[in-house]
Protein backbone atom coordinates (compact mmCIF):
# COMPACT_ATOMS: atom_id res chain seq x y z
CA MET A 1 40.63 63.67 25.16
CA ARG A 2 39.36 63.46 21.61
CA ASN A 3 36.02 61.95 20.68
CA ALA A 4 35.69 58.49 19.20
CA ASP A 5 34.99 59.85 15.71
CA ILE A 6 38.68 60.78 15.48
CA PHE A 7 39.54 57.12 16.01
CA TRP A 8 36.79 56.02 13.60
CA MET A 9 38.42 58.31 11.00
CA LEU A 10 41.73 56.53 11.54
CA MET A 11 40.05 53.12 11.19
CA ASP A 12 38.31 54.36 8.04
CA SER A 13 41.66 55.24 6.48
CA PHE A 14 42.69 51.59 6.89
CA LEU A 15 39.34 50.39 5.52
CA ASN A 16 39.52 52.47 2.31
CA GLY A 17 36.62 54.73 3.27
CA LYS A 18 34.12 51.99 4.14
CA LEU A 19 33.00 53.90 7.26
CA GLY A 20 32.31 57.02 5.18
CA TYR A 21 34.76 59.51 6.69
CA HIS A 22 37.11 59.49 3.66
CA GLU A 23 40.03 60.88 5.66
CA SER A 24 43.60 60.22 4.56
CA LEU A 25 45.86 58.25 6.89
CA LYS A 26 48.15 61.28 7.21
CA LYS A 27 45.29 63.60 8.25
CA ALA A 28 43.77 60.98 10.58
CA LEU A 29 47.09 60.53 12.35
CA ARG A 30 47.60 64.29 12.58
CA ASN A 31 44.13 64.58 14.16
CA ILE A 32 45.02 62.01 16.81
CA PHE A 33 48.44 63.40 17.64
CA THR A 34 47.55 67.10 17.69
CA SER A 35 48.22 68.56 21.13
CA PRO A 36 45.16 68.25 23.40
CA SER A 37 45.37 71.99 24.05
CA GLU A 38 44.70 72.74 20.35
CA TYR A 39 41.55 72.28 18.31
CA ILE A 40 41.55 70.25 15.12
CA SER A 41 39.62 71.02 11.99
CA VAL A 42 37.91 68.21 10.10
CA ASP A 43 35.75 68.05 7.00
CA TYR A 44 32.87 66.05 8.41
CA PRO A 45 30.61 64.08 6.02
CA PHE A 46 26.84 64.44 6.34
CA ASP A 47 23.93 62.99 4.37
CA ASP A 48 24.13 59.77 2.38
CA ALA A 49 27.33 57.87 1.68
CA GLN A 50 26.96 58.13 -2.11
CA ASN A 51 26.75 61.93 -2.11
CA PRO A 52 28.13 63.30 1.16
CA VAL A 53 28.06 66.98 2.00
CA TYR A 54 31.16 68.04 3.92
CA MET A 55 31.05 70.57 6.70
CA ARG A 56 34.25 71.92 8.19
CA ILE A 57 33.97 71.70 11.96
CA ARG A 58 36.38 72.43 14.78
CA LEU A 59 36.85 69.83 17.46
CA PHE A 60 38.06 71.03 20.83
CA THR A 61 39.30 69.05 23.79
CA GLU A 62 37.82 69.77 27.19
CA SER A 63 41.07 71.29 28.45
CA GLY A 64 41.45 73.48 25.36
CA LEU A 65 37.87 74.72 25.52
CA LYS A 66 38.10 75.44 29.26
CA ARG A 67 41.34 77.35 28.70
CA GLU A 68 39.75 79.49 25.98
CA LEU A 69 36.63 80.21 28.02
CA SER A 70 38.74 81.10 31.05
CA SER A 71 40.84 83.49 28.96
CA LEU A 72 37.60 85.24 27.97
CA GLY A 73 36.61 85.61 31.64
CA PHE A 74 34.17 82.71 31.99
CA LYS A 75 33.84 80.35 34.93
CA ILE A 76 32.65 76.81 34.19
CA LEU A 77 29.62 75.93 36.31
CA ARG A 78 28.73 72.47 34.96
CA LYS A 79 29.63 70.09 32.21
CA TYR A 80 27.60 67.51 30.37
CA SER A 81 28.63 64.94 27.81
CA ILE A 82 26.54 63.76 24.90
CA HIS A 83 27.03 60.74 22.65
CA SER A 84 29.38 58.81 24.94
CA VAL A 85 28.34 55.17 24.67
CA THR A 86 26.46 55.71 21.43
CA ASN A 87 29.74 56.90 19.84
CA LEU A 88 30.77 53.23 19.81
CA ILE A 89 28.85 53.33 16.52
CA PRO A 90 30.53 55.52 13.86
CA SER A 91 28.59 58.76 13.48
CA THR A 92 28.57 58.34 9.71
CA TYR A 93 26.36 55.27 10.15
CA LEU A 94 23.99 57.16 12.43
CA ASP A 95 23.60 59.97 9.89
CA ALA A 96 22.07 57.65 7.28
CA ASN A 97 18.75 58.73 5.78
CA ASN A 98 17.13 55.41 6.59
CA PRO A 99 19.31 53.38 8.99
CA PRO A 100 18.49 49.66 9.21
CA LYS A 101 16.35 48.48 12.09
CA TRP A 102 19.24 46.59 13.76
CA LEU A 103 21.25 49.85 13.87
CA ARG A 104 18.35 51.83 15.31
CA ASN A 105 17.89 49.13 17.95
CA LEU A 106 21.59 49.09 18.81
CA PHE A 107 21.63 52.88 19.12
CA THR A 108 18.55 52.80 21.35
CA PHE A 109 20.20 50.15 23.55
CA TYR A 110 23.44 52.16 23.83
CA ALA A 111 21.46 55.35 24.52
CA SER A 112 19.57 53.64 27.36
CA ILE A 113 22.90 52.65 28.92
CA GLU A 114 24.24 56.17 28.48
CA GLU A 115 21.19 57.71 30.16
CA ARG A 116 21.63 55.51 33.24
CA ILE A 117 25.33 56.09 33.88
CA PRO A 118 25.47 57.88 37.24
CA PHE A 119 28.90 59.43 36.62
CA TYR A 120 30.50 61.72 34.07
CA LEU A 121 31.74 59.90 31.00
CA PRO A 122 33.58 61.75 28.21
CA GLY A 123 31.46 61.93 25.10
CA CYS A 124 31.61 62.92 21.48
CA SER A 125 30.15 66.28 22.43
CA LEU A 126 30.74 68.34 25.53
CA VAL A 127 28.34 70.97 26.81
CA LEU A 128 29.80 73.49 29.22
CA LEU A 129 27.55 75.79 31.22
CA ALA A 130 29.62 78.89 31.92
CA GLN A 131 29.08 82.29 33.45
CA LYS A 132 31.00 85.49 32.82
CA LYS A 133 33.05 86.42 35.88
CA ARG A 134 32.27 89.81 37.42
């Protein structure tokens, strides 16, 4: 499963860059339809919307990352997700230098929900605790 930012990038292509991802429709669609076993590479915008700095990052799916770790001789012990409910807000909005108070409050509300969920929920980021097999 891909994180919600991939879908925000697609929405942004229909909104002429208003969300700040500035991804073409072709690239956004390719990101969504890439096989879940493969990573995708995106130029992710950071800093302010007027002068973004782009960082190329690789996005893995859980199954792809587990497969790669297993091929290197690792056993997954635990998994954690980060930015699950809060990813309902586009990350480009959360990266603002001085986000408006309503956005900070909404993020805080979503984060409080996320912290109380008693079950695993896929998130924008996945943390895998792994140990090298003997």
